[in-house]
PDB file of N, CA and C in Angstrom:
ATOM      1  N   UNK A   1     -41.354 -47.401  11.092  1.00  0.00           N
ATOM      2  CA  UNK A   1     -40.194 -46.538  10.929  1.00  0.00           C
ATOM      3  C   UNK A   1     -39.121 -47.218  10.087  1.00  0.00           C
ATOM      4  N   UNK A   2     -38.897 -48.517  10.307  1.00  0.00           N
ATOM      5  CA  UNK A   2     -37.870 -49.240   9.573  1.00  0.00           C
ATOM      6  C   UNK A   2     -38.223 -49.329   8.091  1.00  0.00           C
ATOM      7  N   UNK A   3     -39.500 -49.540   7.781  1.00  0.00           N
ATOM      8  CA  UNK A   3     -39.935 -49.616   6.392  1.00  0.00           C
ATOM      9  C   UNK A   3     -39.738 -48.269   5.701  1.00  0.00           C
ATOM     10  N   UNK A   4     -39.997 -47.200   6.413  1.00  0.00           N
ATOM     11  CA  UNK A   4     -39.829 -45.860   5.844  1.00  0.00           C
ATOM     12  C   UNK A   4     -38.382 -45.627   5.442  1.00  0.00           C
ATOM     13  N   UNK A   5     -37.443 -46.011   6.290  1.00  0.00           N
ATOM     14  CA  UNK A   5     -36.018 -45.846   5.960  1.00  0.00           C
ATOM     15  C   UNK A   5     -35.634 -46.685   4.747  1.00  0.00           C
ATOM     16  N   UNK A   6     -36.146 -47.926   4.710  1.00  0.00           N
ATOM     17  CA  UNK A   6     -35.851 -48.804   3.581  1.00  0.00           C
ATOM     18  C   UNK A   6     -36.394 -48.196   2.293  1.00  0.00           C
ATOM     19  N   UNK A   7     -37.616 -47.680   2.339  1.00  0.00           N
ATOM     20  CA  UNK A   7     -38.239 -47.103   1.163  1.00  0.00           C
ATOM     21  C   UNK A   7     -37.478 -45.858   0.702  1.00  0.00           C
ATOM     22  N   UNK A   8     -37.038 -45.040   1.629  1.00  0.00           N
ATOM     23  CA  UNK A   8     -36.254 -43.862   1.267  1.00  0.00           C
ATOM     24  C   UNK A   8     -34.931 -44.272   0.633  1.00  0.00           C
ATOM     25  N   UNK A   9     -34.296 -45.294   1.174  1.00  0.00           N
ATOM     26  CA  UNK A   9     -33.040 -45.788   0.626  1.00  0.00           C
ATOM     27  C   UNK A   9     -33.253 -46.370  -0.777  1.00  0.00           C
ATOM     28  N   UNK A  10     -34.334 -47.135  -0.942  1.00  0.00           N
ATOM     29  CA  UNK A  10     -34.682 -47.721  -2.233  1.00  0.00           C
ATOM     30  C   UNK A  10     -34.885 -46.627  -3.276  1.00  0.00           C
ATOM     31  N   UNK A  11     -35.678 -45.612  -2.921  1.00  0.00           N
ATOM     32  CA  UNK A  11     -35.947 -44.521  -3.851  1.00  0.00           C
ATOM     33  C   UNK A  11     -34.685 -43.744  -4.197  1.00  0.00           C
ATOM     34  N   UNK A  12     -33.846 -43.497  -3.216  1.00  0.00           N
ATOM     35  CA  UNK A  12     -32.603 -42.767  -3.468  1.00  0.00           C
ATOM     36  C   UNK A  12     -31.689 -43.560  -4.402  1.00  0.00           C
ATOM     37  N   UNK A  13     -31.573 -44.864  -4.169  1.00  0.00           N
ATOM     38  CA  UNK A  13     -30.733 -45.700  -5.034  1.00  0.00           C
ATOM     39  C   UNK A  13     -31.279 -45.734  -6.451  1.00  0.00           C
ATOM     40  N   UNK A  14     -32.594 -45.864  -6.584  1.00  0.00           N
ATOM     41  CA  UNK A  14     -33.196 -45.898  -7.910  1.00  0.00           C
ATOM     42  C   UNK A  14     -32.949 -44.586  -8.659  1.00  0.00           C
ATOM     43  N   UNK A  15     -33.172 -43.470  -8.004  1.00  0.00           N
ATOM     44  CA  UNK A  15     -32.953 -42.181  -8.651  1.00  0.00           C
ATOM     45  C   UNK A  15     -31.496 -42.026  -9.069  1.00  0.00           C
ATOM     46  N   UNK A  16     -30.591 -42.391  -8.174  1.00  0.00           N
ATOM     47  CA  UNK A  16     -29.165 -42.234  -8.455  1.00  0.00           C
ATOM     48  C   UNK A  16     -28.735 -43.129  -9.621  1.00  0.00           C
ATOM     49  N   UNK A  17     -29.184 -44.384  -9.622  1.00  0.00           N
ATOM     50  CA  UNK A  17     -28.717 -45.343 -10.620  1.00  0.00           C
ATOM     51  C   UNK A  17     -29.468 -45.257 -11.944  1.00  0.00           C
ATOM     52  N   UNK A  18     -30.734 -44.864 -11.913  1.00  0.00           N
ATOM     53  CA  UNK A  18     -31.509 -44.803 -13.153  1.00  0.00           C
ATOM     54  C   UNK A  18     -31.367 -43.450 -13.833  1.00  0.00           C
ATOM     55  N   UNK A  19     -31.539 -42.385 -13.082  1.00  0.00           N
ATOM     56  CA  UNK A  19     -31.480 -41.056 -13.706  1.00  0.00           C
ATOM     57  C   UNK A  19     -30.053 -40.619 -14.034  1.00  0.00           C
ATOM     58  N   UNK A  20     -29.095 -41.032 -13.238  1.00  0.00           N
ATOM     59  CA  UNK A  20     -27.684 -40.716 -13.472  1.00  0.00           C
ATOM     60  C   UNK A  20     -27.460 -39.250 -13.844  1.00  0.00           C
ATOM     61  N   UNK A  21     -27.700 -38.379 -12.898  1.00  0.00           N
ATOM     62  CA  UNK A  21     -27.471 -36.939 -13.022  1.00  0.00           C
ATOM     63  C   UNK A  21     -28.474 -36.194 -13.906  1.00  0.00           C
ATOM     64  N   UNK A  22     -29.483 -36.879 -14.417  1.00  0.00           N
ATOM     65  CA  UNK A  22     -30.552 -36.192 -15.148  1.00  0.00           C
ATOM     66  C   UNK A  22     -31.640 -35.836 -14.153  1.00  0.00           C
ATOM     67  N   UNK A  23     -32.425 -34.842 -14.477  1.00  0.00           N
ATOM     68  CA  UNK A  23     -33.517 -34.465 -13.577  1.00  0.00           C
ATOM     69  C   UNK A  23     -34.836 -35.085 -13.988  1.00  0.00           C
ATOM     70  N   UNK A  24     -34.974 -35.399 -15.263  1.00  0.00           N
ATOM     71  CA  UNK A  24     -36.218 -35.980 -15.767  1.00  0.00           C
ATOM     72  C   UNK A  24     -35.916 -37.009 -16.847  1.00  0.00           C
ATOM     73  N   UNK A  25     -36.919 -37.799 -17.170  1.00  0.00           N
ATOM     74  CA  UNK A  25     -36.827 -38.743 -18.281  1.00  0.00           C
ATOM     75  C   UNK A  25     -37.285 -38.044 -19.557  1.00  0.00           C
ATOM     76  N   UNK A  26     -36.851 -38.543 -20.688  1.00  0.00           N
ATOM     77  CA  UNK A  26     -37.232 -37.942 -21.970  1.00  0.00           C
ATOM     78  C   UNK A  26     -38.731 -38.074 -22.219  1.00  0.00           C
ATOM     79  N   UNK A  27     -39.293 -39.233 -21.856  1.00  0.00           N
ATOM     80  CA  UNK A  27     -40.738 -39.431 -22.005  1.00  0.00           C
ATOM     81  C   UNK A  27     -41.188 -40.562 -21.084  1.00  0.00           C
ATOM     82  N   UNK A  28     -42.484 -40.791 -21.034  1.00  0.00           N
ATOM     83  CA  UNK A  28     -43.047 -41.774 -20.107  1.00  0.00           C
ATOM     84  C   UNK A  28     -42.621 -43.198 -20.455  1.00  0.00           C
ATOM     85  N   UNK A  29     -42.532 -43.523 -21.730  1.00  0.00           N
ATOM     86  CA  UNK A  29     -42.137 -44.867 -22.137  1.00  0.00           C
ATOM     87  C   UNK A  29     -40.716 -45.189 -21.669  1.00  0.00           C
ATOM     88  N   UNK A  30     -39.809 -44.258 -21.847  1.00  0.00           N
ATOM     89  CA  UNK A  30     -38.425 -44.454 -21.399  1.00  0.00           C
ATOM     90  C   UNK A  30     -38.376 -44.587 -19.882  1.00  0.00           C
ATOM     91  N   UNK A  31     -39.147 -43.784 -19.188  1.00  0.00           N
ATOM     92  CA  UNK A  31     -39.217 -43.862 -17.733  1.00  0.00           C
ATOM     93  C   UNK A  31     -39.671 -45.247 -17.283  1.00  0.00           C
ATOM     94  N   UNK A  32     -40.764 -45.729 -17.838  1.00  0.00           N
ATOM     95  CA  UNK A  32     -41.293 -47.037 -17.448  1.00  0.00           C
ATOM     96  C   UNK A  32     -40.307 -48.156 -17.755  1.00  0.00           C
ATOM     97  N   UNK A  33     -39.677 -48.095 -18.923  1.00  0.00           N
ATOM     98  CA  UNK A  33     -38.720 -49.123 -19.317  1.00  0.00           C
ATOM     99  C   UNK A  33     -37.519 -49.145 -18.377  1.00  0.00           C
ATOM    100  N   UNK A  34     -36.945 -47.979 -18.119  1.00  0.00           N
ATOM    101  CA  UNK A  34     -35.754 -47.907 -17.279  1.00  0.00           C
ATOM    102  C   UNK A  34     -36.037 -48.306 -15.834  1.00  0.00           C
ATOM    103  N   UNK A  35     -37.168 -47.867 -15.300  1.00  0.00           N
ATOM    104  CA  UNK A  35     -37.519 -48.233 -13.924  1.00  0.00           C
ATOM    105  C   UNK A  35     -37.809 -49.727 -13.830  1.00  0.00           C
ATOM    106  N   UNK A  36     -38.483 -50.296 -14.816  1.00  0.00           N
ATOM    107  CA  UNK A  36     -38.751 -51.738 -14.815  1.00  0.00           C
ATOM    108  C   UNK A  36     -37.452 -52.530 -14.853  1.00  0.00           C
ATOM    109  N   UNK A  37     -36.533 -52.142 -15.721  1.00  0.00           N
ATOM    110  CA  UNK A  37     -35.230 -52.833 -15.798  1.00  0.00           C
ATOM    111  C   UNK A  37     -34.487 -52.751 -14.467  1.00  0.00           C
ATOM    112  N   UNK A  38     -34.495 -51.557 -13.869  1.00  0.00           N
ATOM    113  CA  UNK A  38     -33.777 -51.386 -12.607  1.00  0.00           C
ATOM    114  C   UNK A  38     -34.412 -52.230 -11.513  1.00  0.00           C
ATOM    115  N   UNK A  39     -35.737 -52.233 -11.421  1.00  0.00           N
ATOM    116  CA  UNK A  39     -36.427 -53.023 -10.385  1.00  0.00           C
ATOM    117  C   UNK A  39     -36.163 -54.515 -10.565  1.00  0.00           C
ATOM    118  N   UNK A  40     -36.159 -54.972 -11.807  1.00  0.00           N
ATOM    119  CA  UNK A  40     -35.867 -56.381 -12.080  1.00  0.00           C
ATOM    120  C   UNK A  40     -34.461 -56.721 -11.621  1.00  0.00           C
ATOM    121  N   UNK A  41     -33.507 -55.869 -11.954  1.00  0.00           N
ATOM    122  CA  UNK A  41     -32.122 -56.083 -11.522  1.00  0.00           C
ATOM    123  C   UNK A  41     -32.000 -56.023 -10.005  1.00  0.00           C
ATOM    124  N   UNK A  42     -32.653 -55.045  -9.404  1.00  0.00           N
ATOM    125  CA  UNK A  42     -32.596 -54.874  -7.956  1.00  0.00           C
ATOM    126  C   UNK A  42     -33.119 -56.113  -7.229  1.00  0.00           C
ATOM    127  N   UNK A  43     -34.184 -56.704  -7.748  1.00  0.00           N
ATOM    128  CA  UNK A  43     -34.826 -57.827  -7.075  1.00  0.00           C
ATOM    129  C   UNK A  43     -34.226 -59.176  -7.403  1.00  0.00           C
ATOM    130  N   UNK A  44     -33.355 -59.258  -8.399  1.00  0.00           N
ATOM    131  CA  UNK A  44     -32.808 -60.562  -8.768  1.00  0.00           C
ATOM    132  C   UNK A  44     -31.286 -60.625  -8.768  1.00  0.00           C
ATOM    133  N   UNK A  45     -30.626 -59.561  -9.198  1.00  0.00           N
ATOM    134  CA  UNK A  45     -29.176 -59.612  -9.415  1.00  0.00           C
ATOM    135  C   UNK A  45     -28.382 -58.809  -8.394  1.00  0.00           C
ATOM    136  N   UNK A  46     -28.861 -57.631  -8.038  1.00  0.00           N
ATOM    137  CA  UNK A  46     -28.111 -56.716  -7.166  1.00  0.00           C
ATOM    138  C   UNK A  46     -27.897 -57.347  -5.779  1.00  0.00           C
ATOM    139  N   UNK A  47     -26.672 -57.240  -5.276  1.00  0.00           N
ATOM    140  CA  UNK A  47     -26.366 -57.811  -3.962  1.00  0.00           C
ATOM    141  C   UNK A  47     -26.946 -56.959  -2.848  1.00  0.00           C
ATOM    142  N   UNK A  48     -27.415 -57.627  -1.792  1.00  0.00           N
ATOM    143  CA  UNK A  48     -28.047 -56.944  -0.668  1.00  0.00           C
ATOM    144  C   UNK A  48     -27.372 -57.347   0.642  1.00  0.00           C
ATOM    145  N   UNK A  49     -27.305 -56.414   1.571  1.00  0.00           N
ATOM    146  CA  UNK A  49     -26.689 -56.706   2.866  1.00  0.00           C
ATOM    147  C   UNK A  49     -27.505 -57.713   3.665  1.00  0.00           C
ATOM    148  N   UNK A  50     -28.821 -57.703   3.517  1.00  0.00           N
ATOM    149  CA  UNK A  50     -29.667 -58.592   4.304  1.00  0.00           C
ATOM    150  C   UNK A  50     -29.456 -60.063   3.953  1.00  0.00           C
ATOM    151  N   UNK A  51     -28.898 -60.336   2.774  1.00  0.00           N
ATOM    152  CA  UNK A  51     -28.656 -61.748   2.408  1.00  0.00           C
ATOM    153  C   UNK A  51     -27.164 -61.994   2.198  1.00  0.00           C
ATOM    154  N   UNK A  52     -26.391 -61.453   3.123  1.00  0.00           N
ATOM    155  CA  UNK A  52     -24.938 -61.675   3.166  1.00  0.00           C
ATOM    156  C   UNK A  52     -24.238 -61.251   1.871  1.00  0.00           C
ATOM    157  N   UNK A  53     -24.704 -60.154   1.285  1.00  0.00           N
ATOM    158  CA  UNK A  53     -24.141 -59.579   0.064  1.00  0.00           C
ATOM    159  C   UNK A  53     -24.124 -60.549  -1.113  1.00  0.00           C
ATOM    160  N   UNK A  54     -25.171 -61.359  -1.177  1.00  0.00           N
ATOM    161  CA  UNK A  54     -25.407 -62.214  -2.334  1.00  0.00           C
ATOM    162  C   UNK A  54     -26.587 -61.642  -3.099  1.00  0.00           C
ATOM    163  N   UNK A  55     -26.689 -61.993  -4.357  1.00  0.00           N
ATOM    164  CA  UNK A  55     -27.889 -61.621  -5.111  1.00  0.00           C
ATOM    165  C   UNK A  55     -29.052 -62.422  -4.528  1.00  0.00           C
ATOM    166  N   UNK A  56     -30.248 -61.840  -4.487  1.00  0.00           N
ATOM    167  CA  UNK A  56     -31.391 -62.557  -3.911  1.00  0.00           C
ATOM    168  C   UNK A  56     -31.643 -63.921  -4.534  1.00  0.00           C
ATOM    169  N   UNK A  57     -31.481 -64.059  -5.846  1.00  0.00           N
ATOM    170  CA  UNK A  57     -31.711 -65.368  -6.470  1.00  0.00           C
ATOM    171  C   UNK A  57     -30.677 -66.393  -6.010  1.00  0.00           C
ATOM    172  N   UNK A  58     -29.429 -65.976  -5.857  1.00  0.00           N
ATOM    173  CA  UNK A  58     -28.378 -66.877  -5.369  1.00  0.00           C
ATOM    174  C   UNK A  58     -28.655 -67.257  -3.916  1.00  0.00           C
ATOM    175  N   UNK A  59     -29.039 -66.281  -3.110  1.00  0.00           N
ATOM    176  CA  UNK A  59     -29.349 -66.537  -1.703  1.00  0.00           C
ATOM    177  C   UNK A  59     -30.481 -67.557  -1.575  1.00  0.00           C
ATOM    178  N   UNK A  60     -31.528 -67.399  -2.373  1.00  0.00           N
ATOM    179  CA  UNK A  60     -32.660 -68.322  -2.306  1.00  0.00           C
ATOM    180  C   UNK A  60     -32.277 -69.727  -2.747  1.00  0.00           C
ATOM    181  N   UNK A  61     -31.357 -69.846  -3.705  1.00  0.00           N
ATOM    182  CA  UNK A  61     -30.890 -71.157  -4.136  1.00  0.00           C
ATOM    183  C   UNK A  61     -30.082 -71.841  -3.035  1.00  0.00           C
ATOM    184  N   UNK A  62     -29.245 -71.080  -2.347  1.00  0.00           N
ATOM    185  CA  UNK A  62     -28.379 -71.646  -1.310  1.00  0.00           C
ATOM    186  C   UNK A  62     -29.098 -71.880   0.015  1.00  0.00           C
ATOM    187  N   UNK A  63     -30.069 -71.058   0.324  1.00  0.00           N
ATOM    188  CA  UNK A  63     -30.753 -71.115   1.612  1.00  0.00           C
ATOM    189  C   UNK A  63     -32.263 -71.228   1.408  1.00  0.00           C
ATOM    190  N   UNK A  64     -32.738 -72.392   0.999  1.00  0.00           N
ATOM    191  CA  UNK A  64     -34.181 -72.507   0.771  1.00  0.00           C
ATOM    192  C   UNK A  64     -34.961 -72.339   2.055  1.00  0.00           C
ATOM    193  N   UNK A  65     -36.079 -71.672   1.940  1.00  0.00           N
ATOM    194  CA  UNK A  65     -36.944 -71.441   3.114  1.00  0.00           C
ATOM    195  C   UNK A  65     -37.705 -72.718   3.421  1.00  0.00           C
ATOM    196  N   UNK A  66     -37.845 -73.000   4.701  1.00  0.00           N
ATOM    197  CA  UNK A  66     -38.638 -74.136   5.145  1.00  0.00           C
ATOM    198  C   UNK A  66     -39.846 -73.568   5.868  1.00  0.00           C
ATOM    199  N   UNK A  67     -40.990 -73.766   5.270  1.00  0.00           N
ATOM    200  CA  UNK A  67     -42.215 -73.242   5.845  1.00  0.00           C
ATOM    201  C   UNK A  67     -42.907 -74.308   6.675  1.00  0.00           C
ATOM    202  N   UNK A  68     -43.399 -73.910   7.844  1.00  0.00           N
ATOM    203  CA  UNK A  68     -44.155 -74.823   8.674  1.00  0.00           C
ATOM    204  C   UNK A  68     -45.563 -74.914   8.132  1.00  0.00           C
ATOM    205  N   UNK A  69     -46.129 -76.081   8.175  1.00  0.00           N
ATOM    206  CA  UNK A  69     -47.495 -76.227   7.688  1.00  0.00           C
ATOM    207  C   UNK A  69     -48.462 -75.633   8.701  1.00  0.00           C
ATOM    208  N   UNK A  70     -49.494 -75.015   8.188  1.00  0.00           N
ATOM    209  CA  UNK A  70     -50.532 -74.442   9.057  1.00  0.00           C
ATOM    210  C   UNK A  70     -51.459 -75.562   9.488  1.00  0.00           C
ATOM    211  N   UNK A  71     -51.633 -75.694  10.779  1.00  0.00           N
ATOM    212  CA  UNK A  71     -52.480 -76.784  11.272  1.00  0.00           C
ATOM    213  C   UNK A  71     -53.811 -76.246  11.725  1.00  0.00           C
TER     214      UNK A  71
END
């Protein structure tokens, strides 16, 4: 259930920020380019609540993960 809400929120944000009041893209190439740019920004630059409103790359630099070794 939690993943479903996240996915709906992700899709709504993408539509709102990429399409910006348009209903469709001009063509498939423009669609792919714009969605790729948005996803790249979303995953690296855009601030998220789950990481204290830091960009994910900044959060990872400040809070490196420590993984336990599998024994």
